[in-house]
C-alpha atoms as a PDB file:
ATOM      1  CA  MET A   1     -24.824  18.571 -58.440  1.00  0.00           C
ATOM      2  CA  THR A   2     -23.676  21.418 -56.243  1.00  0.00           C
ATOM      3  CA  LEU A   3     -24.914  21.766 -52.675  1.00  0.00           C
ATOM      4  CA  SER A   4     -25.903  25.134 -51.349  1.00  0.00           C
ATOM      5  CA  ALA A   5     -24.400  26.512 -48.188  1.00  0.00           C
ATOM      6  CA  GLU A   6     -27.612  25.732 -46.305  1.00  0.00           C
ATOM      7  CA  GLN A   7     -27.640  22.129 -47.557  1.00  0.00           C
ATOM      8  CA  ARG A   8     -23.986  21.656 -46.523  1.00  0.00           C
ATOM      9  CA  ARG A   9     -24.768  23.042 -43.085  1.00  0.00           C
ATOM     10  CA  LEU A  10     -27.747  20.681 -42.668  1.00  0.00           C
ATOM     11  CA  LEU A  11     -25.630  17.749 -43.851  1.00  0.00           C
ATOM     12  CA  LEU A  12     -22.959  18.537 -41.253  1.00  0.00           C
ATOM     13  CA  ILE A  13     -25.559  18.895 -38.521  1.00  0.00           C
ATOM     14  CA  GLY A  14     -27.075  15.547 -39.529  1.00  0.00           C
ATOM     15  CA  ALA A  15     -23.642  13.859 -39.566  1.00  0.00           C
ATOM     16  CA  LEU A  16     -22.729  15.112 -36.096  1.00  0.00           C
ATOM     17  CA  PRO A  17     -24.854  12.566 -34.131  1.00  0.00           C
ATOM     18  CA  THR A  18     -23.450   9.777 -36.315  1.00  0.00           C
ATOM     19  CA  LEU A  19     -19.904  10.939 -35.571  1.00  0.00           C
ATOM     20  CA  VAL A  20     -20.623  11.130 -31.824  1.00  0.00           C
ATOM     21  CA  ALA A  21     -22.148   7.628 -31.889  1.00  0.00           C
ATOM     22  CA  LEU A  22     -19.124   6.314 -33.788  1.00  0.00           C
ATOM     23  CA  LEU A  23     -16.692   7.856 -31.281  1.00  0.00           C
ATOM     24  CA  ALA A  24     -18.729   6.405 -28.389  1.00  0.00           C
ATOM     25  CA  ALA A  25     -18.630   2.966 -30.010  1.00  0.00           C
ATOM     26  CA  VAL A  26     -14.832   3.157 -30.492  1.00  0.00           C
ATOM     27  CA  HIS A  27     -14.450   4.359 -26.903  1.00  0.00           C
ATOM     28  CA  LEU A  28     -16.551   1.451 -25.613  1.00  0.00           C
ATOM     29  CA  TRP A  29     -14.644  -1.076 -27.735  1.00  0.00           C
ATOM     30  CA  LEU A  30     -11.306   0.217 -26.431  1.00  0.00           C
ATOM     31  CA  LEU A  31     -12.532  -0.031 -22.843  1.00  0.00           C
ATOM     32  CA  VAL A  32     -13.889  -3.550 -23.233  1.00  0.00           C
ATOM     33  CA  HIS A  33     -10.912  -4.810 -25.238  1.00  0.00           C
ATOM     34  CA  GLY A  34      -8.379  -3.197 -22.876  1.00  0.00           C
ATOM     35  CA  ASN A  35     -10.241  -4.441 -19.814  1.00  0.00           C
ATOM     36  CA  ASP A  36     -10.400  -8.018 -21.145  1.00  0.00           C
ATOM     37  CA  SER A  37      -6.704  -7.955 -21.988  1.00  0.00           C
ATOM     38  CA  ALA A  38      -5.796  -6.575 -18.560  1.00  0.00           C
ATOM     39  CA  ARG A  39      -7.986  -9.142 -16.807  1.00  0.00           C
ATOM     40  CA  ASP A  40      -6.287 -11.944 -18.747  1.00  0.00           C
ATOM     41  CA  ASP A  41      -2.887 -10.587 -17.666  1.00  0.00           C
ATOM     42  CA  TYR A  42      -4.045 -10.278 -14.055  1.00  0.00           C
ATOM     43  CA  GLU A  43      -5.416 -13.826 -13.923  1.00  0.00           C
ATOM     44  CA  ALA A  44      -2.176 -15.135 -15.463  1.00  0.00           C
ATOM     45  CA  GLY A  45      -0.144 -13.370 -12.753  1.00  0.00           C
ATOM     46  CA  ARG A  46       1.283 -10.775 -15.153  1.00  0.00           C
ATOM     47  CA  TYR A  47       0.504  -7.995 -12.721  1.00  0.00           C
ATOM     48  CA  ALA A  48       2.828  -5.380 -14.217  1.00  0.00           C
ATOM     49  CA  ASP A  49       1.222  -5.796 -17.646  1.00  0.00           C
ATOM     50  CA  ALA A  50      -2.265  -5.689 -16.157  1.00  0.00           C
ATOM     51  CA  ARG A  51      -1.438  -2.557 -14.192  1.00  0.00           C
ATOM     52  CA  SER A  52      -0.031  -0.846 -17.272  1.00  0.00           C
ATOM     53  CA  THR A  53      -3.155  -1.645 -19.314  1.00  0.00           C
ATOM     54  CA  PHE A  54      -5.520  -0.563 -16.556  1.00  0.00           C
ATOM     55  CA  GLU A  55      -3.620   2.696 -16.053  1.00  0.00           C
ATOM     56  CA  GLY A  56      -3.719   3.314 -19.816  1.00  0.00           C
ATOM     57  CA  ALA A  57      -7.510   3.060 -19.681  1.00  0.00           C
ATOM     58  CA  ARG A  58      -7.720   5.852 -17.111  1.00  0.00           C
ATOM     59  CA  ASP A  59      -8.265   8.570 -19.728  1.00  0.00           C
ATOM     60  CA  LEU A  60     -10.990   6.470 -21.349  1.00  0.00           C
ATOM     61  CA  GLY A  61     -12.978   6.127 -18.139  1.00  0.00           C
ATOM     62  CA  VAL A  62     -15.253   9.098 -18.684  1.00  0.00           C
ATOM     63  CA  VAL A  63     -18.320   7.408 -17.203  1.00  0.00           C
ATOM     64  CA  SER A  64     -16.566   5.632 -14.287  1.00  0.00           C
ATOM     65  CA  PRO A  65     -13.168   7.294 -13.833  1.00  0.00           C
ATOM     66  CA  TRP A  66     -12.506   5.443 -10.544  1.00  0.00           C
ATOM     67  CA  ILE A  67     -12.445   1.974 -12.125  1.00  0.00           C
ATOM     68  CA  ALA A  68      -9.115   2.276 -13.965  1.00  0.00           C
ATOM     69  CA  PRO A  69      -7.069   3.366 -10.912  1.00  0.00           C
ATOM     70  CA  PHE A  70      -8.905   0.838  -8.734  1.00  0.00           C
ATOM     71  CA  ASN A  71      -8.069  -2.026 -11.107  1.00  0.00           C
ATOM     72  CA  ALA A  72      -4.504  -0.753 -11.526  1.00  0.00           C
ATOM     73  CA  GLY A  73      -4.208  -0.626  -7.726  1.00  0.00           C
ATOM     74  CA  THR A  74      -5.408  -4.219  -7.504  1.00  0.00           C
ATOM     75  CA  ALA A  75      -2.745  -5.254 -10.034  1.00  0.00           C
ATOM     76  CA  ALA A  76      -0.067  -3.294  -8.149  1.00  0.00           C
ATOM     77  CA  TYR A  77      -1.126  -5.069  -4.948  1.00  0.00           C
ATOM     78  CA  GLY A  78      -0.785  -8.417  -6.729  1.00  0.00           C
ATOM     79  CA  ALA A  79       2.756  -7.430  -7.723  1.00  0.00           C
ATOM     80  CA  LYS A  80       3.465  -6.464  -4.065  1.00  0.00           C
ATOM     81  CA  GLU A  81       4.063  -2.865  -5.162  1.00  0.00           C
ATOM     82  CA  TYR A  82       2.179  -1.602  -2.155  1.00  0.00           C
ATOM     83  CA  LYS A  83       3.188   2.073  -2.296  1.00  0.00           C
ATOM     84  CA  ALA A  84       1.935   2.305  -5.886  1.00  0.00           C
ATOM     85  CA  ALA A  85      -1.241   0.473  -4.881  1.00  0.00           C
ATOM     86  CA  VAL A  86      -1.884   3.002  -2.092  1.00  0.00           C
ATOM     87  CA  THR A  87      -1.503   5.883  -4.570  1.00  0.00           C
ATOM     88  CA  LEU A  88      -3.845   4.244  -7.074  1.00  0.00           C
ATOM     89  CA  PHE A  89      -6.498   3.289  -4.508  1.00  0.00           C
ATOM     90  CA  SER A  90      -6.372   6.826  -3.089  1.00  0.00           C
ATOM     91  CA  ALA A  91      -6.983   8.222  -6.590  1.00  0.00           C
ATOM     92  CA  ALA A  92      -9.873   5.791  -7.082  1.00  0.00           C
ATOM     93  CA  LEU A  93     -11.398   6.820  -3.760  1.00  0.00           C
ATOM     94  CA  GLU A  94     -11.655  10.442  -4.903  1.00  0.00           C
ATOM     95  CA  ASP A  95     -13.848   9.521  -7.901  1.00  0.00           C
ATOM     96  CA  ALA A  96     -15.670   6.446  -6.609  1.00  0.00           C
ATOM     97  CA  PRO A  97     -19.437   6.787  -6.208  1.00  0.00           C
ATOM     98  CA  ASP A  98     -20.739   6.580  -2.655  1.00  0.00           C
ATOM     99  CA  ASP A  99     -21.994   3.026  -3.073  1.00  0.00           C
ATOM    100  CA  ARG A 100     -18.503   1.821  -4.096  1.00  0.00           C
ATOM    101  CA  LYS A 101     -16.313   3.819  -1.710  1.00  0.00           C
ATOM    102  CA  CYS A 102     -16.267   0.974   0.826  1.00  0.00           C
ATOM    103  CA  ASP A 103     -14.801  -1.391  -1.782  1.00  0.00           C
ATOM    104  CA  VAL A 104     -11.948   1.038  -2.331  1.00  0.00           C
ATOM    105  CA  ARG A 105     -11.486   1.805   1.372  1.00  0.00           C
ATOM    106  CA  VAL A 106     -11.226  -1.866   2.343  1.00  0.00           C
ATOM    107  CA  ASP A 107      -8.623  -2.552  -0.367  1.00  0.00           C
ATOM    108  CA  LEU A 108      -6.713   0.569   0.681  1.00  0.00           C
ATOM    109  CA  ALA A 109      -6.743  -0.633   4.307  1.00  0.00           C
ATOM    110  CA  LEU A 110      -5.577  -4.117   3.301  1.00  0.00           C
ATOM    111  CA  THR A 111      -2.738  -2.593   1.285  1.00  0.00           C
ATOM    112  CA  HIS A 112      -1.539  -0.591   4.295  1.00  0.00           C
ATOM    113  CA  LYS A 113      -1.814  -3.779   6.365  1.00  0.00           C
ATOM    114  CA  ALA A 114       0.381  -5.615   3.836  1.00  0.00           C
ATOM    115  CA  MET A 115       2.943  -2.806   4.227  1.00  0.00           C
ATOM    116  CA  ALA A 116       2.742  -3.279   8.006  1.00  0.00           C
ATOM    117  CA  ASP A 117       3.404  -7.007   7.582  1.00  0.00           C
ATOM    118  CA  GLN A 118       6.442  -6.226   5.423  1.00  0.00           C
ATOM    119  CA  ALA A 119       7.751  -3.824   8.073  1.00  0.00           C
ATOM    120  CA  ALA A 120       7.206  -6.440  10.788  1.00  0.00           C
ATOM    121  CA  SER A 121       9.219  -8.992   8.788  1.00  0.00           C
ATOM    122  CA  ARG A 122      12.083  -6.445   8.700  1.00  0.00           C
ATOM    123  CA  ASP A 123      11.599  -5.884  12.464  1.00  0.00           C
ATOM    124  CA  ASP A 124      10.863  -2.199  11.713  1.00  0.00           C
ATOM    125  CA  ARG A 125       8.308  -1.570  14.454  1.00  0.00           C
ATOM    126  CA  ALA A 126       7.978   2.160  13.777  1.00  0.00           C
ATOM    127  CA  ALA A 127       7.066   1.620  10.106  1.00  0.00           C
ATOM    128  CA  GLN A 128       4.756  -1.224  11.111  1.00  0.00           C
ATOM    129  CA  GLN A 129       2.811   0.988  13.514  1.00  0.00           C
ATOM    130  CA  VAL A 130       2.526   3.824  10.971  1.00  0.00           C
ATOM    131  CA  ALA A 131       1.201   1.434   8.309  1.00  0.00           C
ATOM    132  CA  LEU A 132      -1.291  -0.121  10.745  1.00  0.00           C
ATOM    133  CA  ARG A 133      -2.574   3.309  11.752  1.00  0.00           C
ATOM    134  CA  ASP A 134      -2.927   4.288   8.064  1.00  0.00           C
ATOM    135  CA  ALA A 135      -4.853   1.065   7.483  1.00  0.00           C
ATOM    136  CA  ARG A 136      -7.222   1.815  10.361  1.00  0.00           C
ATOM    137  CA  THR A 137      -7.673   5.424   9.205  1.00  0.00           C
ATOM    138  CA  ALA A 138      -8.748   4.218   5.743  1.00  0.00           C
ATOM    139  CA  ILE A 139     -11.872   2.571   7.188  1.00  0.00           C
ATOM    140  CA  GLN A 140     -12.246   4.059  10.666  1.00  0.00           C
ATOM    141  CA  GLY A 141     -15.792   5.110  11.451  1.00  0.00           C
ATOM    142  CA  THR A 142     -17.042   4.342   7.926  1.00  0.00           C
ATOM    143  CA  GLY A 143     -18.875   1.124   8.782  1.00  0.00           C
ATOM    144  CA  CYS A 144     -17.252  -0.461   5.727  1.00  0.00           C
ATOM    145  CA  ASP A 145     -15.766  -3.417   7.591  1.00  0.00           C
ATOM    146  CA  ASP A 146     -16.117  -3.311  11.365  1.00  0.00           C
ATOM    147  CA  LYS A 147     -14.401  -6.682  11.777  1.00  0.00           C
ATOM    148  CA  LEU A 148     -11.311  -5.519   9.855  1.00  0.00           C
ATOM    149  CA  GLU A 149     -11.279  -2.247  11.792  1.00  0.00           C
ATOM    150  CA  LYS A 150     -11.259  -4.177  15.086  1.00  0.00           C
ATOM    151  CA  GLU A 151      -8.492  -6.509  13.846  1.00  0.00           C
ATOM    152  CA  LEU A 152      -6.384  -3.505  12.887  1.00  0.00           C
ATOM    153  CA  GLN A 153      -6.931  -1.888  16.288  1.00  0.00           C
ATOM    154  CA  ASP A 154      -5.901  -5.152  17.980  1.00  0.00           C
ATOM    155  CA  GLU A 155      -2.743  -5.297  15.864  1.00  0.00           C
ATOM    156  CA  ILE A 156      -1.935  -1.669  16.684  1.00  0.00           C
ATOM    157  CA  ASN A 157      -2.300  -2.452  20.404  1.00  0.00           C
ATOM    158  CA  LYS A 158      -0.175  -5.576  20.057  1.00  0.00           C
ATOM    159  CA  ALA A 159       2.544  -3.762  18.086  1.00  0.00           C
ATOM    160  CA  SER A 160       2.555  -0.913  20.622  1.00  0.00           C
ATOM    161  CA  SER A 161       2.833  -3.251  23.601  1.00  0.00           C
ATOM    162  CA  GLY A 162       5.484  -5.242  21.742  1.00  0.00           C
ATOM    163  CA  SER A 163       7.596  -2.156  21.209  1.00  0.00           C
ATOM    164  CA  SER A 164       7.245  -1.039  24.830  1.00  0.00           C
ATOM    165  CA  SER A 165       8.147  -4.483  26.145  1.00  0.00           C
ATOM    166  CA  LYS A 166      11.082  -4.514  23.791  1.00  0.00           C
ATOM    167  CA  SER A 167      12.335  -1.267  25.291  1.00  0.00           C
ATOM    168  CA  GLU A 168      11.829  -2.771  28.751  1.00  0.00           C
ATOM    169  CA  ASP A 169      13.892  -5.774  27.656  1.00  0.00           C
ATOM    170  CA  GLN A 170      16.561  -3.413  26.397  1.00  0.00           C
ATOM    171  CA  LYS A 171      16.596  -1.665  29.780  1.00  0.00           C
ATOM    172  CA  LEU A 172      16.951  -4.999  31.575  1.00  0.00           C
ATOM    173  CA  ASP A 173      19.767  -6.003  29.227  1.00  0.00           C
ATOM    174  CA  GLU A 174      21.592  -2.755  29.961  1.00  0.00           C
ATOM    175  CA  VAL A 175      21.222  -3.248  33.743  1.00  0.00           C
ATOM    176  CA  GLU A 176      22.402  -6.844  33.442  1.00  0.00           C
ATOM    177  CA  LYS A 177      25.380  -5.770  31.341  1.00  0.00           C
ATOM    178  CA  LYS A 178      26.365  -3.145  33.923  1.00  0.00           C
ATOM    179  CA  ASN A 179      26.081  -5.737  36.711  1.00  0.00           C
ATOM    180  CA  ARG A 180      28.293  -8.163  34.772  1.00  0.00           C
ATOM    181  CA  GLU A 181      30.874  -5.441  34.154  1.00  0.00           C
ATOM    182  CA  ALA A 182      30.850  -4.452  37.839  1.00  0.00           C
ATOM    183  CA  ALA A 183      31.278  -8.106  38.882  1.00  0.00           C
ATOM    184  CA  LYS A 184      34.120  -8.488  36.407  1.00  0.00           C
ATOM    185  CA  VAL A 185      35.927  -5.465  37.831  1.00  0.00           C
ATOM    186  CA  LYS A 186      35.422  -6.840  41.360  1.00  0.00           C
ATOM    187  CA  ASP A 187      36.818 -10.235  40.311  1.00  0.00           C
ATOM    188  CA  ILE A 188      39.876  -8.570  38.818  1.00  0.00           C
ATOM    189  CA  GLU A 189      40.453  -6.683  42.045  1.00  0.00           C
ATOM    190  CA  LEU A 190      40.232  -9.912  44.068  1.00  0.00           C
ATOM    191  CA  GLU A 191      42.705 -11.770  41.889  1.00  0.00           C
ATOM    192  CA  PRO A 192      46.266 -11.955  43.336  1.00  0.00           C
ATOM    193  CA  LYS A 193      48.741  -9.565  41.800  1.00  0.00           C
ATOM    194  CA  ASN A 194      51.223 -11.143  39.467  1.00  0.00           C
ATOM    195  CA  GLU A 195      54.627 -11.130  41.130  1.00  0.00           C
ATOM    196  CA  PRO A 196      57.853 -11.211  39.133  1.00  0.00           C
ATOM    197  CA  GLU A 197      59.532 -14.589  39.041  1.00  0.00           C
ATOM    198  CA  GLN A 198      62.856 -13.191  40.168  1.00  0.00           C
ATOM    199  CA  GLN A 199      62.909 -10.960  43.146  1.00  0.00           C
ATOM    200  CA  ILE A 200      65.153  -7.984  43.259  1.00  0.00           C
ATOM    201  CA  GLN A 201      68.190  -8.705  45.442  1.00  0.00           C
ATOM    202  CA  TRP A 202      69.506  -6.102  47.700  1.00  0.00           C
END
């Protein structure tokens, strides 16, 4: 039995919704399967694997494109890859719906705070202050977490006063060093001159 051109056209049109439904089902299965696998990796502490799987799902996130970078950022944070986490959370923030932006902002702020803690452990006060300010900026004025915002401001104030007192200590050390050097020179001048053991005879 041969189909006419019109029948073939109608058959194709009828098959199109089935094909779309099939593609949607495959897409959903890939998302669920990939998400479950990534969650298992995350819970087992395999953060790099979880991040890789979450990032791979980014192109599949047509409905909620912010979720893949957000989850990947969470995995990067778990692996203490804070710079990568900042990049991923920032990408998630761009696509997050309004009712989820605070979730992303708080995690972004906490990531910057973790970077500040790392800088403090290296005694890098400049990097610490920059990271703390970035953390505060992530949530400042948003009402997302007023308590965290206040804590960050307190830490910024503490780090700033710590750096200024450190410079004051350095100034005092320099003054003390100069005083010691001056006293040393004075002591040398007061010491008797070394005379030769044998005097020149005339």
